[in-house]
Amino acid sequence: MADIIIRNLTKKYGSETALKNVSLEIESGEFMVLLGPSGCGKTTLLRCLAGLETPDQGEIIIGDKVVFSSEEKIMNSPGERKLGMVFQSYALWPHMTVRDNIKFGLDVLKTPKNISNETLDSVLKSLGMKEFEDRYPSELSGGQQQRVALARLLATKPPVFLMDEPLSNLDARLRMDMRVELKKFQSESEATTVYVTHDQTEAMTMSTRVVVMKSGEIQQVASPGNLYRQPSNTFVADFIGMPRINLINLRKEQQDSSFFVNSDVKIDVGWVPISNEIVLGAHPEDLVVSKKKISSSEKYSVTAVLPNGPETIIQLTRGKTPVIARVAHDSIYTVGESVYVNYTVDSLNVYDAKNGRIEAPVEN
């Protein structure tokens, strides 16, 4: 296991800056996920960690060793960093059997034959690949090839796992199964893991913490629960959640008022923000939908009904303001029907409309 410290890392490709002064600390044994849209810098950051890219400035420390420092002119090779990496493409040797592919890393480390064979048998068994050990990659399914890539990583027992979208080539069902396996293997090995994905479901279900990135900069680092409930800005709020959060532009009804309005709706946010103009964040489950008026609820029209197994997603509009609500699977609504909506005050997030940053009630 090893801590990873990244300080003020910058990486440029010509005139484009892929990483902008990135700093991050990853704890030993942690499962850290780098999440963001294409081009946000997450893979570049992983490749800098691996030693596959040379940053322009900054410092990377793995364990107690400085592996990169622009100031001290240190740039350790990938082999010197003692990391294990799984790629999106699996990167298996096509001319080698499953067993030989896994054994390759042990041979590079000059592992004694008896220990190598014991390790191979143990890893093959734990991944359910023992019966396939004499097959070649072309004779395996995508999921089986991914298991071989993981087995090769696990066999060498590196202190740090680096994974670059390893499940993106699998179908949805197999991807779910592999998430469970990956999380179990990482927990058992206690290896520090840095995992790149653009899939928020992977990030939220597998990580201990998530790093959300945009345009080469870190937007927020938080546990999955905190990331979902309290996104630090409107970019993170809009990026996290399926279905997506409702973001509603509002203005303060009057000074020292907790009520905010636009031309269609009036919502009590429960406290008095400093900003006069806000973006209100309300998750679909924070809308209370009923067929009868309750207290200060307002009337909306149902514009779409989307059954989704254990829940139903409904789209509602009031004037030109659309919102999405999540309701129980047995709730029956029809397009064109009028319903009443209240907002769960304790769950709302308030963002300054000018800078997009979250505001919080001032504690007395």
Protein backbone atom coordinates (compact mmCIF):
# COMPACT_ATOMS: atom_id res chain seq x y z
CA MET A 1 0.00 0.00 0.00
CA ALA A 2 1.16 3.54 -0.64
CA ASP A 3 0.00 7.12 -0.26
CA ILE A 4 0.06 9.26 -3.39
CA ILE A 5 0.67 13.01 -3.24
CA ILE A 6 0.29 15.19 -6.33
CA ARG A 7 1.36 18.82 -6.06
CA ASN A 8 0.77 21.62 -8.56
CA LEU A 9 0.85 19.32 -11.58
CA THR A 10 0.63 20.98 -15.00
CA LYS A 11 0.74 19.24 -18.37
CA LYS A 12 0.52 20.97 -21.75
CA TYR A 13 0.18 19.67 -25.29
CA GLY A 14 1.28 22.55 -27.48
CA SER A 15 -1.04 25.46 -26.72
CA GLU A 16 -3.56 23.22 -24.92
CA THR A 17 -3.29 22.79 -21.14
CA ALA A 18 -4.52 19.32 -20.16
CA LEU A 19 -3.80 19.70 -16.43
CA LYS A 20 -3.83 23.06 -14.66
CA ASN A 21 -1.94 23.16 -11.37
CA VAL A 22 -3.60 19.98 -10.05
CA SER A 23 -3.04 18.99 -6.42
CA LEU A 24 -4.46 15.84 -4.84
CA GLU A 25 -3.73 13.49 -1.94
CA ILE A 26 -4.77 9.82 -2.17
CA GLU A 27 -4.67 7.79 1.03
CA SER A 28 -3.07 4.39 1.30
CA GLY A 29 -5.57 1.63 0.46
CA GLU A 30 -8.09 4.08 -0.98
CA PHE A 31 -10.19 3.46 -4.10
CA MET A 32 -10.05 6.87 -5.76
CA VAL A 33 -12.02 7.46 -8.95
CA LEU A 34 -11.21 10.22 -11.46
CA LEU A 35 -14.50 11.22 -13.09
CA GLY A 36 -15.40 13.73 -15.75
CA PRO A 37 -16.39 14.27 -19.39
CA SER A 38 -14.08 13.51 -22.32
CA GLY A 39 -11.13 15.88 -22.44
CA CYS A 40 -11.29 16.84 -18.75
CA GLY A 41 -7.74 15.58 -18.02
CA LYS A 42 -8.48 12.42 -16.02
CA THR A 43 -6.55 10.02 -18.29
CA THR A 44 -3.68 12.49 -18.61
CA LEU A 45 -3.44 12.62 -14.81
CA LEU A 46 -3.39 8.81 -14.63
CA ARG A 47 -0.70 8.58 -17.31
CA CYS A 48 1.41 11.15 -15.46
CA LEU A 49 1.11 8.99 -12.33
CA ALA A 50 2.15 5.92 -14.32
CA GLY A 51 5.16 7.67 -15.83
CA LEU A 52 3.76 7.37 -19.36
CA GLU A 53 3.57 11.17 -19.68
CA THR A 54 6.03 13.78 -18.43
CA PRO A 55 4.34 16.76 -16.73
CA ASP A 56 5.64 20.26 -17.39
CA GLN A 57 5.76 21.16 -13.74
CA GLY A 58 4.81 19.92 -10.29
CA GLU A 59 5.63 16.95 -8.09
CA ILE A 60 4.42 13.36 -7.63
CA ILE A 61 5.22 11.33 -4.52
CA ILE A 62 4.31 7.64 -4.26
CA GLY A 63 4.83 6.18 -0.80
CA ASP A 64 7.96 7.86 0.51
CA LYS A 65 9.56 8.28 -2.92
CA VAL A 66 9.52 11.32 -5.21
CA VAL A 67 8.90 9.86 -8.68
CA PHE A 68 8.57 13.19 -10.47
CA SER A 69 9.72 16.69 -9.63
CA SER A 70 10.13 19.48 -12.15
CA GLU A 71 12.12 21.49 -9.62
CA GLU A 72 14.53 18.67 -8.72
CA LYS A 73 14.52 17.31 -12.30
CA ILE A 74 13.38 13.82 -11.24
CA MET A 75 11.47 11.62 -13.71
CA ASN A 76 11.31 7.95 -12.73
CA SER A 77 10.43 5.47 -15.47
CA PRO A 78 7.18 3.43 -15.25
CA GLY A 79 9.20 0.36 -14.19
CA GLU A 80 10.83 2.22 -11.32
CA ARG A 81 7.46 3.26 -9.91
CA LYS A 82 6.34 -0.34 -9.21
CA LEU A 83 2.75 0.27 -10.29
CA GLY A 84 0.22 -2.06 -11.90
CA MET A 85 -1.99 -0.79 -14.72
CA VAL A 86 -5.08 -2.16 -16.48
CA PHE A 87 -5.98 -0.56 -19.81
CA GLN A 88 -9.28 -0.17 -21.60
CA SER A 89 -7.97 -2.41 -24.39
CA TYR A 90 -6.82 -5.18 -21.95
CA ALA A 91 -3.34 -5.22 -23.64
CA LEU A 92 -2.99 -9.03 -23.65
CA TRP A 93 -0.31 -10.84 -25.65
CA PRO A 94 -2.27 -12.60 -28.46
CA HIS A 95 0.35 -15.36 -28.91
CA MET A 96 0.38 -16.29 -25.21
CA THR A 97 -2.07 -18.47 -23.31
CA VAL A 98 -4.03 -17.11 -20.36
CA ARG A 99 -1.52 -18.63 -17.96
CA ASP A 100 1.48 -17.21 -19.81
CA ASN A 101 -0.11 -13.76 -20.04
CA ILE A 102 -0.57 -13.69 -16.26
CA LYS A 103 2.89 -15.18 -15.68
CA PHE A 104 4.56 -12.51 -17.81
CA GLY A 105 4.63 -9.93 -15.00
CA LEU A 106 6.01 -12.47 -12.53
CA ASP A 107 8.77 -13.40 -14.99
CA VAL A 108 9.72 -9.74 -15.36
CA LEU A 109 10.05 -9.57 -11.57
CA LYS A 110 12.17 -12.77 -11.66
CA THR A 111 9.83 -14.53 -9.25
CA PRO A 112 11.04 -18.03 -8.24
CA LYS A 113 9.24 -20.77 -10.21
CA ASN A 114 7.56 -22.43 -7.20
CA ILE A 115 6.19 -19.11 -5.90
CA SER A 116 5.15 -18.09 -9.40
CA ASN A 117 3.15 -21.30 -9.92
CA GLU A 118 1.45 -21.00 -6.52
CA THR A 119 0.51 -17.38 -7.26
CA LEU A 120 -0.82 -18.25 -10.71
CA ASP A 121 -2.99 -21.08 -9.40
CA SER A 122 -4.38 -18.89 -6.62
CA VAL A 123 -5.20 -15.94 -8.91
CA LEU A 124 -6.73 -18.13 -11.64
CA LYS A 125 -8.93 -19.84 -9.07
CA SER A 126 -10.05 -16.63 -7.38
CA LEU A 127 -11.08 -15.15 -10.75
CA GLY A 128 -12.79 -18.30 -11.97
CA MET A 129 -10.35 -18.65 -14.88
CA LYS A 130 -8.60 -21.91 -14.00
CA GLU A 131 -10.41 -23.89 -16.73
CA PHE A 132 -9.35 -21.32 -19.36
CA GLU A 133 -5.63 -21.19 -18.51
CA ASP A 134 -4.55 -22.90 -21.77
CA ARG A 135 -6.71 -20.75 -24.05
CA TYR A 136 -5.54 -17.78 -26.09
CA PRO A 137 -7.10 -14.28 -25.79
CA SER A 138 -8.89 -14.68 -29.14
CA GLU A 139 -10.74 -17.67 -27.66
CA LEU A 140 -12.13 -15.66 -24.73
CA SER A 141 -15.10 -13.32 -24.31
CA GLY A 142 -14.59 -9.66 -23.43
CA GLY A 143 -15.33 -10.33 -19.77
CA GLN A 144 -12.89 -13.22 -19.66
CA GLN A 145 -10.16 -11.13 -21.29
CA GLN A 146 -10.77 -8.43 -18.69
CA ARG A 147 -10.36 -11.02 -15.93
CA VAL A 148 -7.02 -12.06 -17.42
CA ALA A 149 -5.85 -8.44 -17.42
CA LEU A 150 -6.90 -8.14 -13.78
CA ALA A 151 -5.25 -11.44 -12.90
CA ARG A 152 -1.96 -10.23 -14.40
CA LEU A 153 -2.22 -7.15 -12.21
CA LEU A 154 -3.13 -9.06 -9.04
CA ALA A 155 -0.41 -11.67 -9.52
CA THR A 156 2.41 -9.12 -9.19
CA LYS A 157 0.80 -7.54 -6.09
CA PRO A 158 1.82 -3.93 -6.81
CA PRO A 159 1.16 -1.40 -4.00
CA VAL A 160 -0.76 0.82 -6.46
CA PHE A 161 -3.38 -0.16 -9.06
CA LEU A 162 -3.99 2.22 -11.97
CA MET A 163 -7.08 1.50 -14.11
CA ASP A 164 -8.05 3.39 -17.26
CA GLU A 165 -11.74 2.72 -18.06
CA PRO A 166 -11.21 -1.06 -17.80
CA LEU A 167 -14.91 -1.94 -18.09
CA SER A 168 -16.01 0.33 -20.93
CA ASN A 169 -15.81 -2.43 -23.57
CA LEU A 170 -18.17 -4.75 -21.67
CA ASP A 171 -21.94 -4.99 -21.98
CA ALA A 172 -24.12 -3.51 -19.21
CA ARG A 173 -24.80 -6.78 -17.34
CA LEU A 174 -21.18 -7.89 -17.33
CA ARG A 175 -20.04 -4.41 -16.36
CA MET A 176 -22.21 -4.63 -13.24
CA ASP A 177 -20.76 -8.04 -12.34
CA MET A 178 -17.19 -6.82 -12.86
CA ARG A 179 -17.76 -3.78 -10.66
CA VAL A 180 -18.55 -6.11 -7.80
CA GLU A 181 -15.50 -8.26 -8.51
CA LEU A 182 -13.16 -5.29 -8.86
CA LYS A 183 -14.29 -3.77 -5.60
CA LYS A 184 -13.87 -7.12 -3.83
CA PHE A 185 -10.37 -7.67 -5.24
CA GLN A 186 -9.26 -4.17 -4.35
CA SER A 187 -10.59 -4.54 -0.81
CA GLU A 188 -8.85 -7.89 -0.33
CA SER A 189 -5.53 -6.66 -1.74
CA GLU A 190 -5.74 -3.31 0.12
CA ALA A 191 -3.91 -1.74 -2.82
CA THR A 192 -4.18 2.01 -3.37
CA THR A 193 -6.29 2.30 -6.51
CA VAL A 194 -6.74 5.16 -8.98
CA TYR A 195 -9.52 4.44 -11.46
CA VAL A 196 -10.50 6.56 -14.49
CA THR A 197 -14.05 6.56 -15.84
CA HIS A 198 -16.63 8.80 -17.47
CA ASP A 199 -19.39 6.54 -16.05
CA GLN A 200 -20.80 8.10 -12.90
CA THR A 201 -22.45 4.83 -11.86
CA GLU A 202 -19.03 3.18 -11.70
CA ALA A 203 -17.65 6.13 -9.78
CA MET A 204 -20.46 6.26 -7.23
CA THR A 205 -20.69 2.52 -6.59
CA MET A 206 -16.99 1.61 -6.41
CA SER A 207 -15.06 4.51 -4.90
CA THR A 208 -14.18 5.63 -1.42
CA ARG A 209 -13.81 9.14 -2.87
CA VAL A 210 -14.48 10.69 -6.27
CA VAL A 211 -12.47 13.42 -8.01
CA VAL A 212 -14.66 15.35 -10.46
CA MET A 213 -12.64 17.09 -13.17
CA LYS A 214 -13.40 19.67 -15.84
CA SER A 215 -11.03 21.29 -18.34
CA GLY A 216 -7.91 20.05 -16.54
CA GLU A 217 -9.00 21.25 -13.10
CA ILE A 218 -10.42 19.51 -10.05
CA GLN A 219 -13.95 20.68 -9.28
CA GLN A 220 -14.62 18.60 -6.15
CA VAL A 221 -13.18 15.71 -4.14
CA ALA A 222 -15.71 13.93 -1.92
CA SER A 223 -17.22 10.62 -0.89
CA PRO A 224 -20.00 9.41 -3.22
CA GLY A 225 -22.67 10.33 -0.68
CA ASN A 226 -21.39 13.86 -0.12
CA LEU A 227 -20.82 14.37 -3.82
CA TYR A 228 -24.44 13.49 -4.57
CA ARG A 229 -26.08 15.41 -1.73
CA GLN A 230 -23.85 18.51 -1.77
CA PRO A 231 -22.23 19.17 -5.16
CA SER A 232 -19.86 22.11 -4.71
CA ASN A 233 -20.91 23.94 -7.85
CA THR A 234 -23.47 23.82 -10.66
CA PHE A 235 -21.13 21.87 -12.98
CA VAL A 236 -20.78 19.01 -10.47
CA ALA A 237 -24.49 19.19 -9.64
CA ASP A 238 -25.43 18.90 -13.31
CA PHE A 239 -22.90 16.12 -13.98
CA ILE A 240 -23.78 13.85 -11.05
CA GLY A 241 -27.08 11.99 -10.79
CA MET A 242 -29.31 9.94 -13.07
CA PRO A 243 -31.83 11.29 -13.78
CA ARG A 244 -30.09 14.63 -13.51
CA ILE A 245 -30.74 17.18 -10.80
CA ASN A 246 -33.22 20.01 -11.37
CA LEU A 247 -31.43 23.36 -11.65
CA ILE A 248 -33.89 26.26 -11.46
CA ASN A 249 -32.94 29.92 -11.91
CA LEU A 250 -34.66 32.08 -9.27
CA ARG A 251 -34.45 35.53 -7.74
CA LYS A 252 -35.15 36.63 -4.18
CA GLU A 253 -38.76 37.72 -3.76
CA GLN A 254 -37.76 40.44 -1.30
CA GLN A 255 -34.84 41.28 0.97
CA ASP A 256 -34.39 38.98 4.01
CA SER A 257 -36.82 36.49 2.46
CA SER A 258 -36.34 32.73 2.07
CA PHE A 259 -38.78 32.73 -0.86
CA PHE A 260 -37.35 32.75 -4.38
CA VAL A 261 -39.32 33.17 -7.57
CA ASN A 262 -39.23 33.30 -11.34
CA SER A 263 -42.08 34.02 -13.71
CA ASP A 264 -43.53 30.53 -13.08
CA VAL A 265 -42.72 29.25 -9.59
CA LYS A 266 -42.29 30.36 -6.00
CA ILE A 267 -40.12 28.20 -3.74
CA ASP A 268 -39.19 28.50 -0.06
CA VAL A 269 -35.54 27.44 0.29
CA GLY A 270 -35.82 27.41 4.09
CA TRP A 271 -33.17 30.06 4.90
CA VAL A 272 -31.96 33.42 3.59
CA PRO A 273 -29.05 33.14 1.11
CA ILE A 274 -26.75 36.11 0.58
CA SER A 275 -27.26 36.04 -3.19
CA ASN A 276 -30.29 37.75 -4.65
CA GLU A 277 -30.11 35.56 -7.75
CA ILE A 278 -29.61 31.82 -7.31
CA VAL A 279 -29.69 28.48 -9.07
CA LEU A 280 -31.69 26.07 -6.95
CA GLY A 281 -30.61 22.41 -7.02
CA ALA A 282 -33.36 19.86 -6.30
CA HIS A 283 -32.87 16.14 -6.92
CA PRO A 284 -35.85 14.37 -8.55
CA GLU A 285 -36.60 12.57 -5.26
CA ASP A 286 -36.76 15.93 -3.45
CA LEU A 287 -39.98 16.85 -5.26
CA VAL A 288 -43.11 15.71 -3.44
CA VAL A 289 -45.82 15.07 -6.03
CA SER A 290 -49.49 14.68 -5.10
CA LYS A 291 -52.84 14.78 -6.83
CA LYS A 292 -54.27 17.09 -4.18
CA LYS A 293 -53.05 20.47 -3.05
CA ILE A 294 -50.97 20.30 0.16
CA SER A 295 -50.12 23.55 2.00
CA SER A 296 -48.11 25.79 -0.37
CA SER A 297 -47.79 23.29 -3.22
CA GLU A 298 -48.13 24.63 -6.77
CA LYS A 299 -49.87 23.11 -9.77
CA TYR A 300 -47.76 21.51 -12.52
CA SER A 301 -48.67 19.63 -15.69
CA VAL A 302 -47.37 16.11 -16.41
CA THR A 303 -45.54 16.15 -19.78
CA ALA A 304 -43.88 12.68 -19.75
CA VAL A 305 -44.13 9.44 -17.76
CA LEU A 306 -41.13 7.05 -17.81
CA PRO A 307 -41.59 3.75 -15.87
CA ASN A 308 -38.22 2.41 -14.73
CA GLY A 309 -38.64 -0.80 -12.74
CA PRO A 310 -38.71 0.08 -9.02
CA GLU A 311 -39.45 3.75 -9.75
CA THR A 312 -41.18 6.02 -12.23
CA ILE A 313 -39.66 9.22 -13.59
CA ILE A 314 -42.11 11.96 -14.50
CA GLN A 315 -41.45 15.23 -16.26
CA LEU A 316 -43.50 18.20 -15.12
CA THR A 317 -43.83 21.78 -16.26
CA ARG A 318 -45.20 24.96 -14.76
CA GLY A 319 -45.23 27.70 -17.36
CA LYS A 320 -41.82 27.49 -19.02
CA THR A 321 -40.12 25.82 -16.03
CA PRO A 322 -39.58 22.05 -16.52
CA VAL A 323 -38.65 19.72 -13.64
CA ILE A 324 -38.16 15.98 -13.19
CA ALA A 325 -39.54 14.00 -10.25
CA ARG A 326 -38.86 10.47 -9.05
CA VAL A 327 -41.92 8.66 -7.64
CA ALA A 328 -42.83 5.13 -6.53
CA HIS A 329 -43.21 2.50 -9.26
CA ASP A 330 -46.88 1.98 -8.45
CA SER A 331 -47.74 5.70 -8.80
CA ILE A 332 -50.09 6.25 -11.73
CA TYR A 333 -49.82 9.49 -13.69
CA THR A 334 -50.86 10.35 -17.24
CA VAL A 335 -49.55 12.91 -19.70
CA GLY A 336 -51.58 16.12 -19.50
CA GLU A 337 -52.70 15.48 -15.91
CA SER A 338 -52.41 18.30 -13.37
CA VAL A 339 -50.55 17.54 -10.12
CA TYR A 340 -49.25 19.51 -7.15
CA VAL A 341 -45.57 19.79 -6.20
CA ASN A 342 -43.78 20.68 -2.97
CA TYR A 343 -39.99 20.82 -2.52
CA THR A 344 -38.25 19.07 0.39
CA VAL A 345 -36.57 22.09 1.98
CA ASP A 346 -33.89 20.21 3.93
CA SER A 347 -32.53 18.60 0.75
CA LEU A 348 -32.25 21.67 -1.49
CA ASN A 349 -28.92 23.16 -2.56
CA VAL A 350 -28.50 26.85 -3.30
CA TYR A 351 -25.89 28.14 -5.78
CA ASP A 352 -24.85 31.71 -6.49
CA ALA A 353 -26.13 32.40 -10.02
CA LYS A 354 -23.04 34.46 -10.91
CA ASN A 355 -20.19 32.11 -9.93
CA GLY A 356 -22.05 28.79 -9.65
CA ARG A 357 -20.68 28.03 -6.17
CA ILE A 358 -22.76 26.47 -3.42
CA GLU A 359 -23.99 28.65 -0.53
CA ALA A 360 -24.66 27.39 2.97
CA PRO A 361 -26.70 28.79 5.86
CA VAL A 362 -24.66 30.88 8.25
CA GLU A 363 -24.52 29.22 11.68
CA ASN A 364 -25.31 31.49 14.60
